[in-house]
Amino acid sequence: CIIEVGEESLSFETVMFLFLTIGIPVITYFIKAFTPPAASVASILLMTIGFASTESLYLIVIAFCAIVLLEKIIGKKGKKHESRKTSQLLANGGCGTVVAALYILTNRDIFLVAFAAAIAEALCDSAASAVGTRVRGKCIDICSFQPIESGISGGVSVAGTMGCVASAAVVAVLALAFRLADISTMLIVFFSGI
């Protein structure tokens, strides 16, 4: 599919690349999911990932959208959602971007698996937090095994863990579907998430 623009033409893939790497960050800014600097950094991260592989770009965009939807729809009871800052974006997408860049430099498939594993971890952490704080079940401190209030860093709940496991399974299946992982490395992606 070719889109004519004057004497030049853009392929569907080019239009999709531009939408996913520029359009999605702009949308996240307008829906107040990201601060303006975070939206700008997201565009740079997405471009780097997109240059590594189109499939990697699809995976991270799906994960970004899932995180935003989870936080917007499930969110925390009675608390207004705050826009993600650059530091939060780098914490969730920085590792994946680094391994995507390593794939660009080496063309070794193990970096695609590492990318999917990094995205699984980021999505699972966000899903566990969103689900765990919304459900508000019994929560324990992961270090001391003492009861802790829901929403406190380091707290683990059954509901949050189930959200984490479900997210890990989704990312692992998507990694397989996008050919970022095979059956055996799909398990690495899954267990990286949980």
N, C-alpha and C. Protein backbone atom coordinates (compact mmCIF):
# COMPACT_ATOMS: atom_id res chain seq x y z
N CYS A 1 0.85 -1.18 0.00
CA CYS A 1 0.00 0.00 0.00
C CYS A 1 0.90 1.24 0.00
N ILE A 2 0.72 2.10 -0.97
CA ILE A 2 1.54 3.30 -1.11
C ILE A 2 0.64 4.53 -0.99
N ILE A 3 1.08 5.52 -0.22
CA ILE A 3 0.36 6.79 -0.09
C ILE A 3 1.14 7.84 -0.87
N GLU A 4 0.47 8.47 -1.83
CA GLU A 4 1.11 9.49 -2.65
C GLU A 4 1.12 10.82 -1.92
N VAL A 5 2.27 11.46 -1.84
CA VAL A 5 2.42 12.79 -1.26
C VAL A 5 3.25 13.61 -2.23
N GLY A 6 2.56 14.39 -3.07
CA GLY A 6 3.27 15.13 -4.10
C GLY A 6 3.95 14.16 -5.04
N GLU A 7 5.23 14.40 -5.30
CA GLU A 7 5.98 13.51 -6.18
C GLU A 7 6.57 12.32 -5.42
N GLU A 8 6.55 12.40 -4.10
CA GLU A 8 7.10 11.33 -3.27
C GLU A 8 5.98 10.40 -2.85
N SER A 9 6.33 9.20 -2.43
CA SER A 9 5.33 8.28 -1.93
C SER A 9 5.82 7.68 -0.61
N LEU A 10 4.88 7.41 0.27
CA LEU A 10 5.19 6.80 1.55
C LEU A 10 4.54 5.43 1.61
N SER A 11 5.29 4.46 2.05
CA SER A 11 4.72 3.12 2.20
C SER A 11 3.87 3.07 3.46
N PHE A 12 3.02 2.10 3.53
CA PHE A 12 2.19 1.90 4.73
C PHE A 12 3.09 1.70 5.95
N GLU A 13 4.18 0.97 5.78
CA GLU A 13 5.10 0.71 6.88
C GLU A 13 5.71 2.00 7.41
N THR A 14 6.03 2.93 6.51
CA THR A 14 6.61 4.21 6.92
C THR A 14 5.57 5.03 7.69
N VAL A 15 4.35 5.05 7.19
CA VAL A 15 3.28 5.78 7.87
C VAL A 15 3.04 5.19 9.26
N MET A 16 3.00 3.87 9.36
CA MET A 16 2.82 3.21 10.66
C MET A 16 3.97 3.53 11.61
N PHE A 17 5.19 3.49 11.09
CA PHE A 17 6.36 3.80 11.90
C PHE A 17 6.23 5.21 12.47
N LEU A 18 5.88 6.17 11.62
CA LEU A 18 5.73 7.55 12.07
C LEU A 18 4.61 7.70 13.09
N PHE A 19 3.49 7.03 12.84
CA PHE A 19 2.38 7.10 13.79
C PHE A 19 2.78 6.51 15.14
N LEU A 20 3.41 5.34 15.12
CA LEU A 20 3.76 4.66 16.37
C LEU A 20 4.86 5.38 17.14
N THR A 21 5.80 5.99 16.43
CA THR A 21 6.93 6.63 17.11
C THR A 21 6.69 8.10 17.44
N ILE A 22 5.81 8.75 16.73
CA ILE A 22 5.53 10.16 17.00
C ILE A 22 4.08 10.34 17.46
N GLY A 23 3.15 9.71 16.76
CA GLY A 23 1.73 9.88 17.08
C GLY A 23 1.36 9.37 18.46
N ILE A 24 1.81 8.17 18.81
CA ILE A 24 1.47 7.61 20.12
C ILE A 24 1.99 8.49 21.25
N PRO A 25 3.26 8.93 21.24
CA PRO A 25 3.70 9.84 22.31
C PRO A 25 2.89 11.15 22.37
N VAL A 26 2.51 11.68 21.22
CA VAL A 26 1.70 12.90 21.22
C VAL A 26 0.34 12.62 21.87
N ILE A 27 -0.26 11.49 21.53
CA ILE A 27 -1.54 11.12 22.12
C ILE A 27 -1.40 10.95 23.64
N THR A 28 -0.33 10.31 24.08
CA THR A 28 -0.13 10.09 25.52
C THR A 28 0.00 11.42 26.26
N TYR A 29 0.59 12.41 25.59
CA TYR A 29 0.67 13.74 26.20
C TYR A 29 -0.72 14.35 26.32
N PHE A 30 -1.51 14.29 25.26
CA PHE A 30 -2.83 14.92 25.26
C PHE A 30 -3.82 14.25 26.21
N ILE A 31 -3.65 12.96 26.45
CA ILE A 31 -4.54 12.30 27.42
C ILE A 31 -3.94 12.34 28.83
N LYS A 32 -2.87 13.10 28.96
CA LYS A 32 -2.19 13.31 30.24
C LYS A 32 -1.62 12.04 30.86
N ALA A 33 -1.24 11.11 30.00
CA ALA A 33 -0.58 9.89 30.49
C ALA A 33 0.91 10.15 30.70
N PHE A 34 1.50 11.03 29.88
CA PHE A 34 2.92 11.39 29.99
C PHE A 34 3.05 12.90 30.11
N THR A 35 4.09 13.36 30.82
CA THR A 35 4.43 14.77 30.82
C THR A 35 5.02 15.11 29.45
N PRO A 36 5.11 16.39 29.08
CA PRO A 36 5.71 16.73 27.77
C PRO A 36 7.13 16.18 27.59
N PRO A 37 8.03 16.31 28.58
CA PRO A 37 9.36 15.72 28.38
C PRO A 37 9.31 14.20 28.23
N ALA A 38 8.44 13.54 28.98
CA ALA A 38 8.33 12.08 28.88
C ALA A 38 7.82 11.67 27.51
N ALA A 39 6.87 12.42 26.95
CA ALA A 39 6.36 12.11 25.61
C ALA A 39 7.47 12.26 24.57
N SER A 40 8.32 13.27 24.74
CA SER A 40 9.45 13.47 23.82
C SER A 40 10.44 12.32 23.92
N VAL A 41 10.76 11.92 25.14
CA VAL A 41 11.69 10.80 25.35
C VAL A 41 11.07 9.51 24.82
N ALA A 42 9.77 9.34 25.01
CA ALA A 42 9.09 8.14 24.50
C ALA A 42 9.27 8.03 22.99
N SER A 43 9.18 9.16 22.29
CA SER A 43 9.35 9.15 20.84
C SER A 43 10.76 8.67 20.46
N ILE A 44 11.75 9.13 21.17
CA ILE A 44 13.14 8.72 20.90
C ILE A 44 13.32 7.23 21.19
N LEU A 45 12.79 6.77 22.32
CA LEU A 45 12.89 5.35 22.66
C LEU A 45 12.19 4.50 21.61
N LEU A 46 10.99 4.92 21.21
CA LEU A 46 10.23 4.15 20.22
C LEU A 46 10.94 4.11 18.88
N MET A 47 11.56 5.21 18.48
CA MET A 47 12.31 5.21 17.21
C MET A 47 13.48 4.23 17.27
N THR A 48 14.21 4.25 18.38
CA THR A 48 15.33 3.31 18.53
C THR A 48 14.84 1.88 18.44
N ILE A 49 13.77 1.59 19.15
CA ILE A 49 13.21 0.23 19.15
C ILE A 49 12.69 -0.13 17.76
N GLY A 50 12.04 0.82 17.09
CA GLY A 50 11.52 0.57 15.74
C GLY A 50 12.62 0.29 14.73
N PHE A 51 13.76 0.95 14.90
CA PHE A 51 14.88 0.67 13.99
C PHE A 51 15.45 -0.73 14.24
N ALA A 52 15.30 -1.24 15.46
CA ALA A 52 15.77 -2.60 15.76
C ALA A 52 14.90 -3.61 15.01
N SER A 53 13.59 -3.51 15.20
CA SER A 53 12.67 -4.38 14.46
C SER A 53 11.25 -3.85 14.61
N THR A 54 10.48 -4.00 13.56
CA THR A 54 9.09 -3.57 13.57
C THR A 54 8.31 -4.34 14.63
N GLU A 55 8.61 -5.60 14.78
CA GLU A 55 7.91 -6.44 15.75
C GLU A 55 8.16 -5.95 17.17
N SER A 56 9.39 -5.52 17.45
CA SER A 56 9.71 -4.97 18.77
C SER A 56 8.90 -3.70 19.02
N LEU A 57 8.79 -2.89 17.98
CA LEU A 57 8.00 -1.66 18.10
C LEU A 57 6.54 -1.98 18.42
N TYR A 58 5.98 -2.95 17.73
CA TYR A 58 4.60 -3.35 17.99
C TYR A 58 4.42 -3.82 19.43
N LEU A 59 5.38 -4.64 19.90
CA LEU A 59 5.28 -5.17 21.26
C LEU A 59 5.30 -4.05 22.30
N ILE A 60 6.23 -3.11 22.17
CA ILE A 60 6.31 -2.07 23.19
C ILE A 60 5.13 -1.11 23.12
N VAL A 61 4.62 -0.86 21.92
CA VAL A 61 3.44 0.01 21.81
C VAL A 61 2.23 -0.67 22.46
N ILE A 62 2.08 -1.96 22.24
CA ILE A 62 0.99 -2.70 22.90
C ILE A 62 1.17 -2.64 24.42
N ALA A 63 2.40 -2.83 24.88
CA ALA A 63 2.66 -2.77 26.32
C ALA A 63 2.39 -1.37 26.87
N PHE A 64 2.85 -0.31 26.17
CA PHE A 64 2.58 1.07 26.58
C PHE A 64 1.08 1.30 26.69
N CYS A 65 0.35 0.89 25.66
CA CYS A 65 -1.11 1.09 25.65
C CYS A 65 -1.77 0.32 26.78
N ALA A 66 -1.29 -0.90 27.03
CA ALA A 66 -1.85 -1.70 28.11
C ALA A 66 -1.62 -1.04 29.47
N ILE A 67 -0.41 -0.50 29.68
CA ILE A 67 -0.09 0.17 30.94
C ILE A 67 -0.98 1.40 31.11
N VAL A 68 -1.09 2.21 30.08
CA VAL A 68 -1.91 3.42 30.15
C VAL A 68 -3.37 3.05 30.41
N LEU A 69 -3.88 2.05 29.69
CA LEU A 69 -5.27 1.63 29.90
C LEU A 69 -5.49 1.07 31.30
N LEU A 70 -4.58 0.24 31.77
CA LEU A 70 -4.71 -0.29 33.12
C LEU A 70 -4.77 0.82 34.15
N GLU A 71 -3.86 1.78 34.02
CA GLU A 71 -3.82 2.86 35.00
C GLU A 71 -4.99 3.81 34.87
N LYS A 72 -5.48 4.02 33.66
CA LYS A 72 -6.63 4.90 33.46
C LYS A 72 -7.93 4.23 33.87
N ILE A 73 -8.11 2.95 33.51
CA ILE A 73 -9.37 2.25 33.77
C ILE A 73 -9.40 1.70 35.19
N ILE A 74 -8.38 0.93 35.56
CA ILE A 74 -8.36 0.32 36.89
C ILE A 74 -7.94 1.37 37.91
N GLY A 75 -6.75 1.95 37.70
CA GLY A 75 -6.26 3.01 38.56
C GLY A 75 -6.37 2.72 40.05
N LYS A 76 -6.05 3.74 40.83
CA LYS A 76 -6.14 3.63 42.27
C LYS A 76 -7.46 4.21 42.73
N LYS A 77 -8.10 3.53 43.66
CA LYS A 77 -9.38 4.00 44.19
C LYS A 77 -9.21 5.38 44.81
N GLY A 78 -10.07 6.31 44.35
CA GLY A 78 -10.11 7.63 44.96
C GLY A 78 -8.91 8.51 44.69
N LYS A 79 -7.96 8.06 43.87
CA LYS A 79 -6.78 8.87 43.58
C LYS A 79 -6.76 9.24 42.12
N LYS A 80 -6.42 10.49 41.85
CA LYS A 80 -6.31 10.95 40.48
C LYS A 80 -4.99 10.45 39.89
N HIS A 81 -5.05 10.00 38.66
CA HIS A 81 -3.86 9.49 37.99
C HIS A 81 -2.92 10.66 37.65
N GLU A 82 -1.64 10.47 37.92
CA GLU A 82 -0.64 11.48 37.57
C GLU A 82 0.05 11.07 36.28
N SER A 83 0.46 12.06 35.49
CA SER A 83 1.19 11.79 34.26
C SER A 83 2.54 11.16 34.59
N ARG A 84 2.95 10.23 33.73
CA ARG A 84 4.27 9.61 33.93
C ARG A 84 5.36 10.60 33.58
N LYS A 85 6.39 10.57 34.42
CA LYS A 85 7.55 11.45 34.20
C LYS A 85 8.60 10.70 33.40
N THR A 86 9.60 11.45 32.95
CA THR A 86 10.69 10.87 32.16
C THR A 86 11.40 9.77 32.93
N SER A 87 11.63 9.99 34.23
CA SER A 87 12.34 8.97 35.01
C SER A 87 11.55 7.66 35.06
N GLN A 88 10.22 7.76 35.16
CA GLN A 88 9.39 6.55 35.16
C GLN A 88 9.43 5.87 33.80
N LEU A 89 9.41 6.67 32.75
CA LEU A 89 9.46 6.12 31.40
C LEU A 89 10.78 5.39 31.16
N LEU A 90 11.88 6.01 31.59
CA LEU A 90 13.18 5.37 31.42
C LEU A 90 13.31 4.11 32.27
N ALA A 91 12.71 4.13 33.46
CA ALA A 91 12.75 2.94 34.31
C ALA A 91 12.01 1.78 33.65
N ASN A 92 10.90 2.07 32.97
CA ASN A 92 10.12 1.01 32.33
C ASN A 92 10.59 0.67 30.92
N GLY A 93 11.13 1.63 30.18
CA GLY A 93 11.50 1.37 28.80
C GLY A 93 12.98 1.46 28.48
N GLY A 94 13.77 1.92 29.44
CA GLY A 94 15.21 2.13 29.20
C GLY A 94 15.97 0.86 28.90
N CYS A 95 15.76 -0.18 29.70
CA CYS A 95 16.47 -1.44 29.51
C CYS A 95 16.11 -2.05 28.15
N GLY A 96 14.82 -2.04 27.82
CA GLY A 96 14.39 -2.57 26.53
C GLY A 96 15.01 -1.82 25.37
N THR A 97 15.13 -0.51 25.52
CA THR A 97 15.73 0.30 24.46
C THR A 97 17.21 -0.01 24.31
N VAL A 98 17.90 -0.21 25.42
CA VAL A 98 19.34 -0.55 25.36
C VAL A 98 19.54 -1.88 24.64
N VAL A 99 18.74 -2.89 24.96
CA VAL A 99 18.93 -4.18 24.28
C VAL A 99 18.47 -4.12 22.83
N ALA A 100 17.50 -3.25 22.52
CA ALA A 100 17.13 -3.05 21.11
C ALA A 100 18.29 -2.43 20.35
N ALA A 101 18.97 -1.47 20.98
CA ALA A 101 20.15 -0.86 20.35
C ALA A 101 21.26 -1.90 20.16
N LEU A 102 21.42 -2.79 21.13
CA LEU A 102 22.42 -3.86 21.00
C LEU A 102 22.06 -4.80 19.85
N TYR A 103 20.76 -5.02 19.65
CA TYR A 103 20.34 -5.84 18.51
C TYR A 103 20.71 -5.13 17.20
N ILE A 104 20.50 -3.83 17.14
CA ILE A 104 20.85 -3.07 15.94
C ILE A 104 22.34 -3.23 15.64
N LEU A 105 23.16 -3.17 16.69
CA LEU A 105 24.62 -3.24 16.51
C LEU A 105 25.13 -4.64 16.19
N THR A 106 24.48 -5.67 16.74
CA THR A 106 25.01 -7.03 16.59
C THR A 106 24.18 -7.96 15.72
N ASN A 107 22.90 -7.64 15.56
CA ASN A 107 21.96 -8.48 14.82
C ASN A 107 21.86 -9.90 15.41
N ARG A 108 22.04 -10.00 16.73
CA ARG A 108 21.92 -11.28 17.44
C ARG A 108 20.54 -11.40 18.05
N ASP A 109 19.84 -12.48 17.74
CA ASP A 109 18.46 -12.67 18.17
C ASP A 109 18.27 -12.69 19.68
N ILE A 110 19.30 -13.02 20.42
CA ILE A 110 19.17 -13.06 21.88
C ILE A 110 18.75 -11.70 22.42
N PHE A 111 19.13 -10.63 21.72
CA PHE A 111 18.75 -9.29 22.18
C PHE A 111 17.27 -9.01 21.95
N LEU A 112 16.65 -9.67 20.99
CA LEU A 112 15.20 -9.55 20.82
C LEU A 112 14.47 -10.25 21.97
N VAL A 113 15.02 -11.39 22.39
CA VAL A 113 14.45 -12.09 23.55
C VAL A 113 14.61 -11.22 24.80
N ALA A 114 15.80 -10.65 24.97
CA ALA A 114 16.06 -9.78 26.12
C ALA A 114 15.13 -8.56 26.09
N PHE A 115 14.87 -8.04 24.90
CA PHE A 115 13.94 -6.92 24.77
C PHE A 115 12.55 -7.33 25.24
N ALA A 116 12.05 -8.45 24.76
CA ALA A 116 10.72 -8.92 25.17
C ALA A 116 10.68 -9.18 26.68
N ALA A 117 11.76 -9.71 27.23
CA ALA A 117 11.82 -9.96 28.68
C ALA A 117 11.77 -8.65 29.45
N ALA A 118 12.47 -7.63 28.97
CA ALA A 118 12.46 -6.32 29.64
C ALA A 118 11.06 -5.70 29.59
N ILE A 119 10.38 -5.85 28.47
CA ILE A 119 9.03 -5.31 28.34
C ILE A 119 8.07 -6.10 29.23
N ALA A 120 8.26 -7.40 29.33
CA ALA A 120 7.42 -8.22 30.22
C ALA A 120 7.57 -7.74 31.66
N GLU A 121 8.79 -7.49 32.07
CA GLU A 121 9.03 -7.03 33.45
C GLU A 121 8.35 -5.69 33.69
N ALA A 122 8.49 -4.76 32.76
CA ALA A 122 7.90 -3.43 32.93
C ALA A 122 6.37 -3.50 32.98
N LEU A 123 5.78 -4.25 32.06
CA LEU A 123 4.32 -4.36 32.03
C LEU A 123 3.80 -5.08 33.27
N CYS A 124 4.50 -6.14 33.68
CA CYS A 124 4.05 -6.90 34.84
C CYS A 124 4.12 -6.06 36.12
N ASP A 125 5.16 -5.28 36.28
CA ASP A 125 5.28 -4.42 37.44
C ASP A 125 4.13 -3.42 37.49
N SER A 126 3.84 -2.79 36.36
CA SER A 126 2.75 -1.82 36.31
C SER A 126 1.39 -2.48 36.52
N ALA A 127 1.20 -3.66 35.92
CA ALA A 127 -0.07 -4.37 36.08
C ALA A 127 -0.27 -4.81 37.53
N ALA A 128 0.77 -5.32 38.14
CA ALA A 128 0.67 -5.75 39.54
C ALA A 128 0.32 -4.57 40.44
N SER A 129 0.95 -3.43 40.19
CA SER A 129 0.65 -2.24 41.00
C SER A 129 -0.78 -1.76 40.78
N ALA A 130 -1.20 -1.69 39.52
CA ALA A 130 -2.55 -1.19 39.22
C ALA A 130 -3.62 -2.12 39.80
N VAL A 131 -3.47 -3.42 39.58
CA VAL A 131 -4.47 -4.37 40.06
C VAL A 131 -4.41 -4.49 41.58
N GLY A 132 -3.21 -4.59 42.13
CA GLY A 132 -3.06 -4.76 43.57
C GLY A 132 -3.59 -3.59 44.37
N THR A 133 -3.36 -2.36 43.91
CA THR A 133 -3.87 -1.21 44.65
C THR A 133 -5.37 -1.03 44.47
N ARG A 134 -5.90 -1.47 43.35
CA ARG A 134 -7.34 -1.34 43.11
C ARG A 134 -8.14 -2.35 43.92
N VAL A 135 -7.67 -3.57 43.98
CA VAL A 135 -8.40 -4.63 44.68
C VAL A 135 -8.29 -4.48 46.20
N ARG A 136 -7.16 -4.02 46.66
CA ARG A 136 -6.93 -3.77 48.08
C ARG A 136 -7.10 -5.00 48.97
N GLY A 137 -6.54 -6.11 48.55
CA GLY A 137 -6.57 -7.32 49.38
C GLY A 137 -5.44 -7.28 50.39
N LYS A 138 -5.25 -8.40 51.09
CA LYS A 138 -4.16 -8.51 52.06
C LYS A 138 -2.84 -8.36 51.32
N CYS A 139 -1.95 -7.58 51.90
CA CYS A 139 -0.68 -7.26 51.25
C CYS A 139 0.45 -7.48 52.25
N ILE A 140 1.56 -8.08 51.79
CA ILE A 140 2.72 -8.27 52.66
C ILE A 140 3.94 -7.58 52.05
N ASP A 141 4.87 -7.21 52.91
CA ASP A 141 6.13 -6.62 52.48
C ASP A 141 7.01 -7.75 51.95
N ILE A 142 7.52 -7.59 50.74
CA ILE A 142 8.30 -8.66 50.10
C ILE A 142 9.59 -8.97 50.84
N CYS A 143 10.13 -8.00 51.60
CA CYS A 143 11.39 -8.22 52.31
C CYS A 143 11.19 -8.79 53.72
N SER A 144 10.22 -8.25 54.47
CA SER A 144 10.03 -8.66 55.86
C SER A 144 8.90 -9.67 56.06
N PHE A 145 8.08 -9.86 55.04
CA PHE A 145 6.91 -10.75 55.10
C PHE A 145 5.90 -10.30 56.17
N GLN A 146 5.97 -9.04 56.55
CA GLN A 146 5.01 -8.46 57.49
C GLN A 146 3.87 -7.81 56.71
N PRO A 147 2.68 -7.74 57.31
CA PRO A 147 1.57 -7.06 56.64
C PRO A 147 1.94 -5.60 56.36
N ILE A 148 1.47 -5.11 55.22
CA ILE A 148 1.78 -3.75 54.80
C ILE A 148 0.54 -3.18 54.11
N GLU A 149 0.41 -1.87 54.14
CA GLU A 149 -0.73 -1.22 53.50
C GLU A 149 -0.62 -1.34 51.98
N SER A 150 -1.74 -1.57 51.34
CA SER A 150 -1.78 -1.66 49.88
C SER A 150 -1.32 -0.35 49.26
N GLY A 151 -0.54 -0.44 48.19
CA GLY A 151 -0.05 0.76 47.50
C GLY A 151 1.33 1.20 47.92
N ILE A 152 1.88 0.59 48.96
CA ILE A 152 3.22 0.92 49.43
C ILE A 152 4.23 0.12 48.62
N SER A 153 5.34 0.76 48.24
CA SER A 153 6.37 0.09 47.47
C SER A 153 6.89 -1.14 48.22
N GLY A 154 6.99 -2.25 47.51
CA GLY A 154 7.46 -3.50 48.10
C GLY A 154 6.34 -4.40 48.58
N GLY A 155 5.10 -3.92 48.47
CA GLY A 155 3.96 -4.73 48.89
C GLY A 155 3.55 -5.71 47.81
N VAL A 156 3.19 -6.92 48.23
CA VAL A 156 2.78 -7.97 47.30
C VAL A 156 1.42 -8.49 47.76
N SER A 157 0.50 -8.62 46.79
CA SER A 157 -0.83 -9.16 47.09
C SER A 157 -1.16 -10.25 46.09
N VAL A 158 -2.15 -11.06 46.43
CA VAL A 158 -2.57 -12.13 45.52
C VAL A 158 -3.12 -11.52 44.23
N ALA A 159 -3.96 -10.50 44.35
CA ALA A 159 -4.55 -9.87 43.16
C ALA A 159 -3.47 -9.27 42.27
N GLY A 160 -2.53 -8.56 42.86
CA GLY A 160 -1.44 -7.98 42.08
C GLY A 160 -0.59 -9.04 41.40
N THR A 161 -0.34 -10.13 42.11
CA THR A 161 0.44 -11.22 41.54
C THR A 161 -0.30 -11.87 40.37
N MET A 162 -1.61 -12.01 40.49
CA MET A 162 -2.40 -12.58 39.38
C MET A 162 -2.37 -11.65 38.17
N GLY A 163 -2.44 -10.35 38.40
CA GLY A 163 -2.31 -9.38 37.30
C GLY A 163 -0.95 -9.47 36.64
N CYS A 164 0.06 -9.68 37.45
CA CYS A 164 1.43 -9.83 36.95
C CYS A 164 1.57 -11.09 36.10
N VAL A 165 1.06 -12.21 36.58
CA VAL A 165 1.16 -13.47 35.85
C VAL A 165 0.41 -13.38 34.52
N ALA A 166 -0.79 -12.79 34.54
CA ALA A 166 -1.56 -12.64 33.31
C ALA A 166 -0.81 -11.76 32.30
N SER A 167 -0.21 -10.68 32.78
CA SER A 167 0.55 -9.80 31.89
C SER A 167 1.77 -10.51 31.31
N ALA A 168 2.46 -11.28 32.14
CA ALA A 168 3.63 -12.03 31.66
C ALA A 168 3.24 -13.01 30.57
N ALA A 169 2.10 -13.67 30.76
CA ALA A 169 1.63 -14.63 29.76
C ALA A 169 1.30 -13.92 28.44
N VAL A 170 0.65 -12.78 28.53
CA VAL A 170 0.30 -12.03 27.32
C VAL A 170 1.56 -11.59 26.57
N VAL A 171 2.54 -11.04 27.28
CA VAL A 171 3.77 -10.60 26.61
C VAL A 171 4.51 -11.78 26.01
N ALA A 172 4.57 -12.90 26.72
CA ALA A 172 5.26 -14.08 26.19
C ALA A 172 4.59 -14.58 24.91
N VAL A 173 3.27 -14.63 24.90
CA VAL A 173 2.54 -15.07 23.70
C VAL A 173 2.75 -14.07 22.55
N LEU A 174 2.70 -12.77 22.86
CA LEU A 174 2.95 -11.76 21.82
C LEU A 174 4.38 -11.86 21.29
N ALA A 175 5.34 -12.11 22.17
CA ALA A 175 6.73 -12.26 21.72
C ALA A 175 6.86 -13.44 20.77
N LEU A 176 6.14 -14.51 21.05
CA LEU A 176 6.13 -15.67 20.15
C LEU A 176 5.44 -15.30 18.84
N ALA A 177 4.29 -14.64 18.92
CA ALA A 177 3.54 -14.28 17.72
C ALA A 177 4.33 -13.32 16.83
N PHE A 178 5.06 -12.39 17.43
CA PHE A 178 5.86 -11.43 16.67
C PHE A 178 7.24 -11.97 16.30
N ARG A 179 7.50 -13.22 16.63
CA ARG A 179 8.76 -13.90 16.32
C ARG A 179 9.98 -13.24 16.98
N LEU A 180 9.74 -12.68 18.16
CA LEU A 180 10.86 -12.16 18.96
C LEU A 180 11.43 -13.28 19.82
N ALA A 181 10.63 -14.32 20.01
CA ALA A 181 11.04 -15.47 20.82
C ALA A 181 10.46 -16.73 20.20
N ASP A 182 11.13 -17.86 20.45
CA ASP A 182 10.56 -19.15 20.04
C ASP A 182 9.94 -19.81 21.28
N ILE A 183 9.50 -21.03 21.16
CA ILE A 183 8.82 -21.70 22.27
C ILE A 183 9.69 -21.75 23.52
N SER A 184 10.95 -22.10 23.38
CA SER A 184 11.81 -22.23 24.57
C SER A 184 12.16 -20.87 25.17
N THR A 185 12.44 -19.88 24.35
CA THR A 185 12.79 -18.57 24.90
C THR A 185 11.56 -17.79 25.35
N MET A 186 10.37 -18.23 24.92
CA MET A 186 9.13 -17.63 25.39
C MET A 186 9.01 -17.80 26.90
N LEU A 187 9.50 -18.91 27.42
CA LEU A 187 9.47 -19.14 28.86
C LEU A 187 10.38 -18.16 29.60
N ILE A 188 11.50 -17.79 28.98
CA ILE A 188 12.38 -16.78 29.57
C ILE A 188 11.63 -15.45 29.67
N VAL A 189 10.92 -15.10 28.62
CA VAL A 189 10.13 -13.86 28.62
C VAL A 189 9.08 -13.92 29.73
N PHE A 190 8.37 -15.03 29.83
CA PHE A 190 7.33 -15.18 30.84
C PHE A 190 7.90 -15.04 32.25
N PHE A 191 8.96 -15.80 32.55
CA PHE A 191 9.51 -15.78 33.90
C PHE A 191 10.22 -14.46 34.21
N SER A 192 10.67 -13.75 33.21
CA SER A 192 11.24 -12.41 33.44
C SER A 192 10.18 -11.46 33.95
N GLY A 193 8.97 -11.63 33.48
CA GLY A 193 7.88 -10.78 33.92
C GLY A 193 7.46 -11.02 35.36
N ILE A 194 7.44 -12.29 35.74
CA ILE A 194 6.98 -12.57 37.10
C ILE A 194 8.16 -12.65 38.05
